[in-house]
């Protein structure tokens, strides 16, 4: 089924509580709340029929409403704890809405440099490959070939125990890690399995700069420095 025929819902989970950075989702980055970067990308991407913000925080809800986003309901407190999974939040939204959707896109607000073009390209790839699930990734900066565990007798043990240790960096194979920016999954599949990654999940590769995931104050500082550098280069 081509894009434009499918009904696609985008969910932006934005909890008020944050242990790492207080009020993280509405802390300013580049002169606007962090949440707005993702809302702008979602609203300006192609193929998404509806954007919903899931939050228990009135302040976050007001930011979203002022940006033109529908808040059909507030998130229950039992789904706003530190141990709540994002899968629980997505399930709550999907089962609480009156409308039915075929595909769901999860867009976490901690990925401010994931653009509308990234979302559109990811959805095109999802449809072209007739995928059931797609997740965004970036190339891992550290190779597991050079990673170790420490045994009980305090000795280094290679993480990849069945592989030869690769000595030259240029000989290392490429490895990829989830960057948390984009998740796309078929709604029926998700409601059965409650997860985003499967054996047939399609990767959508993003560059490192676009993959920045903000979790700490240092991450905010890095993001501000990146914006300043872009302004100077413009």
Protein backbone atom coordinates (compact mmCIF):
# COMPACT_ATOMS: atom_id res chain seq x y z
CA UNK A 1 0.00 0.00 0.00
CA UNK A 2 1.55 3.35 -1.02
CA UNK A 3 2.14 6.19 1.40
CA UNK A 4 -0.73 8.63 1.37
CA UNK A 5 -3.16 5.71 1.56
CA UNK A 6 -1.90 4.40 4.90
CA UNK A 7 -3.05 6.25 8.02
CA UNK A 8 0.03 7.20 10.00
CA UNK A 9 0.13 8.46 13.58
CA UNK A 10 3.16 10.16 15.13
CA UNK A 11 3.56 9.95 18.91
CA UNK A 12 5.88 12.27 20.82
CA UNK A 13 6.38 11.07 24.43
CA UNK A 14 7.29 13.97 26.70
CA UNK A 15 7.28 13.24 30.41
CA UNK A 16 7.52 16.14 32.85
CA UNK A 17 9.86 14.41 35.29
CA UNK A 18 13.53 14.02 34.42
CA UNK A 19 16.30 12.96 36.76
CA UNK A 20 19.15 13.98 34.49
CA UNK A 21 18.00 17.51 33.56
CA UNK A 22 15.06 19.24 35.26
CA UNK A 23 12.23 20.13 32.85
CA UNK A 24 14.38 18.72 30.04
CA UNK A 25 11.69 18.52 27.38
CA UNK A 26 10.89 22.23 27.64
CA UNK A 27 14.39 23.47 28.44
CA UNK A 28 15.42 25.95 25.75
CA UNK A 29 17.74 24.94 22.93
CA UNK A 30 18.53 27.58 20.35
CA UNK A 31 15.92 29.89 21.84
CA UNK A 32 12.98 27.46 21.86
CA UNK A 33 11.83 24.52 24.00
CA UNK A 34 13.51 21.22 23.17
CA UNK A 35 10.10 19.70 22.45
CA UNK A 36 9.45 22.22 19.66
CA UNK A 37 12.30 20.86 17.53
CA UNK A 38 10.56 17.50 17.24
CA UNK A 39 7.07 18.98 16.87
CA UNK A 40 8.27 21.15 13.99
CA UNK A 41 9.92 18.17 12.28
CA UNK A 42 6.80 16.05 12.67
CA UNK A 43 4.39 18.69 11.39
CA UNK A 44 6.57 19.52 8.37
CA UNK A 45 7.23 15.95 7.30
CA UNK A 46 5.16 14.26 4.63
CA UNK A 47 2.67 11.40 5.12
CA UNK A 48 1.91 11.83 8.86
CA UNK A 49 -1.82 12.24 9.43
CA UNK A 50 -1.82 13.18 13.10
CA UNK A 51 0.71 14.15 15.79
CA UNK A 52 -0.05 13.41 19.43
CA UNK A 53 2.02 14.43 22.44
CA UNK A 54 1.78 12.08 25.41
CA UNK A 55 2.47 13.88 28.69
CA UNK A 56 1.28 14.12 32.28
CA UNK A 57 2.68 17.68 32.59
CA UNK A 58 0.40 20.69 32.04
CA UNK A 59 3.34 22.91 31.17
CA UNK A 60 4.46 20.55 28.41
CA UNK A 61 0.86 20.19 27.22
CA UNK A 62 0.56 23.97 26.92
CA UNK A 63 3.74 24.18 24.86
CA UNK A 64 2.34 21.55 22.49
CA UNK A 65 -1.10 23.16 22.28
CA UNK A 66 0.44 26.56 21.54
CA UNK A 67 2.38 24.89 18.73
CA UNK A 68 -0.86 23.58 17.24
CA UNK A 69 -0.66 19.99 18.51
CA UNK A 70 -3.72 18.11 19.71
CA UNK A 71 -3.64 16.80 23.29
CA UNK A 72 -6.58 14.35 23.28
CA UNK A 73 -5.87 13.26 26.88
CA UNK A 74 -3.26 13.57 29.60
CA UNK A 75 -1.02 10.62 30.36
CA UNK A 76 -1.98 8.76 33.56
CA UNK A 77 0.43 9.08 36.48
CA UNK A 78 1.08 5.32 36.56
CA UNK A 79 2.56 5.67 33.06
CA UNK A 80 4.76 8.60 34.08
CA UNK A 81 7.14 6.86 36.46
CA UNK A 82 10.87 6.35 36.00
CA UNK A 83 10.32 2.66 35.22
CA UNK A 84 7.61 3.24 32.61
CA UNK A 85 8.64 1.98 29.18
CA UNK A 86 8.06 3.91 25.99
CA UNK A 87 6.21 0.83 24.67
CA UNK A 88 3.70 1.23 27.53
CA UNK A 89 3.18 4.86 26.54
CA UNK A 90 2.70 4.08 22.85
CA UNK A 91 0.23 1.31 23.67
CA UNK A 92 -1.76 3.69 25.87
CA UNK A 93 -2.06 6.25 23.08
CA UNK A 94 -3.01 3.70 20.43
CA UNK A 95 -5.68 2.09 22.58
CA UNK A 96 -7.09 5.38 23.88
CA UNK A 97 -7.62 7.23 20.60
CA UNK A 98 -10.97 6.98 18.87
CA UNK A 99 -9.33 6.92 15.42
CA UNK A 100 -7.57 3.86 14.04
CA UNK A 101 -4.14 4.02 12.39
CA UNK A 102 -2.18 1.49 10.36
CA UNK A 103 1.34 2.65 11.18
CA UNK A 104 2.79 4.50 14.16
CA UNK A 105 5.92 6.68 14.23
CA UNK A 106 7.63 7.25 17.58
CA UNK A 107 9.56 10.54 17.74
CA UNK A 108 11.39 11.18 21.00
CA UNK A 109 11.89 14.89 21.82
CA UNK A 110 15.51 14.29 22.84
CA UNK A 111 16.54 14.11 19.15
CA UNK A 112 16.34 17.79 18.11
CA UNK A 113 18.43 17.46 14.93
CA UNK A 114 16.28 14.73 13.40
CA UNK A 115 14.59 16.76 10.65
CA UNK A 116 11.34 16.57 8.73
CA UNK A 117 13.37 15.30 5.75
CA UNK A 118 14.69 12.42 7.85
CA UNK A 119 11.16 11.43 8.86
CA UNK A 120 9.88 11.65 5.29
CA UNK A 121 12.81 9.64 3.91
CA UNK A 122 12.37 7.00 6.62
CA UNK A 123 8.68 6.61 5.82
CA UNK A 124 9.43 6.35 2.10
CA UNK A 125 11.96 3.60 2.79
CA UNK A 126 9.49 1.85 5.09
CA UNK A 127 6.86 1.76 2.35
CA UNK A 128 9.21 0.97 -0.54
CA UNK A 129 10.59 -2.06 1.29
CA UNK A 130 7.13 -3.13 2.45
CA UNK A 131 8.53 -3.20 5.99
CA UNK A 132 6.74 -4.00 9.22
CA UNK A 133 9.25 -2.10 11.32
CA UNK A 134 11.96 0.52 10.76
CA UNK A 135 14.36 2.14 13.23
CA UNK A 136 16.94 4.87 12.79
CA UNK A 137 20.57 4.06 13.46
CA UNK A 138 23.99 5.65 13.18
CA UNK A 139 27.39 4.05 12.80
CA UNK A 140 28.85 3.11 16.17
CA UNK A 141 31.84 5.23 17.14
CA UNK A 142 33.41 2.40 19.13
CA UNK A 143 33.73 -1.07 17.65
CA UNK A 144 32.76 -4.12 19.74
CA UNK A 145 35.90 -5.75 18.32
CA UNK A 146 37.82 -3.48 20.71
CA UNK A 147 35.52 -3.97 23.69
CA UNK A 148 36.08 -6.22 26.69
CA UNK A 149 34.42 -7.46 29.83
CA UNK A 150 36.27 -8.02 33.10
CA UNK A 151 36.08 -11.55 34.44
CA UNK A 152 35.66 -12.57 38.06
CA UNK A 153 39.43 -13.07 38.28
CA UNK A 154 39.92 -9.46 37.04
CA UNK A 155 41.13 -10.34 33.56
CA UNK A 156 40.08 -8.76 30.28
CA UNK A 157 37.84 -10.94 28.16
CA UNK A 158 36.97 -9.95 24.54
CA UNK A 159 33.30 -9.09 24.08
CA UNK A 160 33.28 -10.96 20.77
CA UNK A 161 34.75 -14.18 22.07
CA UNK A 162 34.41 -16.08 18.79
CA UNK A 163 36.11 -13.45 16.68
CA UNK A 164 39.74 -12.63 16.04
CA UNK A 165 40.95 -9.35 17.50
CA UNK A 166 41.23 -6.82 14.66
CA UNK A 167 44.32 -4.69 15.10
CA UNK A 168 43.92 -2.09 12.34
CA UNK A 169 41.10 0.43 12.53
CA UNK A 170 40.63 0.43 8.76
CA UNK A 171 40.01 -3.31 8.85
CA UNK A 172 37.11 -3.05 11.29
CA UNK A 173 33.65 -3.88 9.92
CA UNK A 174 30.96 -1.26 10.35
CA UNK A 175 28.61 -1.61 13.31
CA UNK A 176 25.44 0.39 13.91
CA UNK A 177 23.56 1.45 17.02
CA UNK A 178 20.03 2.69 17.61
CA UNK A 179 20.07 6.48 17.84
CA UNK A 180 16.54 6.86 19.26
CA UNK A 181 15.40 9.39 16.64
CA UNK A 182 12.81 7.48 14.57
CA UNK A 183 10.84 4.29 15.13
CA UNK A 184 8.17 3.15 12.66
CA UNK A 185 6.10 0.04 13.22
CA UNK A 186 2.87 -1.50 12.00
CA UNK A 187 0.20 -0.87 14.62
CA UNK A 188 -1.26 -4.39 14.60
CA UNK A 189 2.20 -5.90 15.00
CA UNK A 190 3.10 -3.53 17.82
CA UNK A 191 -0.08 -4.20 19.76
CA UNK A 192 0.65 -7.94 19.58
CA UNK A 193 4.36 -7.82 20.47
CA UNK A 194 4.79 -4.49 22.34
CA UNK A 195 8.18 -3.80 20.77
CA UNK A 196 9.78 -1.89 17.90
CA UNK A 197 12.70 -4.08 16.78
CA UNK A 198 12.23 -7.48 15.11
CA UNK A 199 14.32 -9.89 13.07
CA UNK A 200 13.13 -8.21 9.86
CA UNK A 201 13.42 -4.58 11.04
CA UNK A 202 14.71 -2.19 8.37
CA UNK A 203 17.49 0.26 9.37
CA UNK A 204 17.41 3.93 8.46
CA UNK A 205 20.97 5.26 8.67
CA UNK A 206 21.55 8.81 9.93
CA UNK A 207 24.77 10.78 10.38
CA UNK A 208 26.22 11.39 13.84
CA UNK A 209 25.35 15.11 14.00
CA UNK A 210 21.67 14.45 13.27
CA UNK A 211 21.70 11.57 15.77
CA UNK A 212 22.54 13.63 18.86
CA UNK A 213 20.43 12.36 21.76
CA UNK A 214 20.07 14.87 24.58
CA UNK A 215 20.12 13.34 28.04
CA UNK A 216 22.46 15.54 30.11
CA UNK A 217 23.48 19.18 30.49
CA UNK A 218 26.65 18.35 28.57
CA UNK A 219 24.47 17.17 25.67
CA UNK A 220 22.66 20.52 25.73
CA UNK A 221 26.01 22.30 25.61
CA UNK A 222 27.11 20.19 22.65
CA UNK A 223 23.86 20.94 20.84
CA UNK A 224 24.22 24.69 21.46
CA UNK A 225 27.81 24.55 20.16
CA UNK A 226 26.63 22.73 17.03
CA UNK A 227 23.97 25.38 16.41
CA UNK A 228 26.52 28.16 16.91
CA UNK A 229 28.93 26.49 14.51
CA UNK A 230 26.16 26.16 11.89
CA UNK A 231 25.30 29.85 12.29
CA UNK A 232 28.93 30.84 11.77
CA UNK A 233 29.16 28.66 8.70
CA UNK A 234 25.96 30.02 7.16
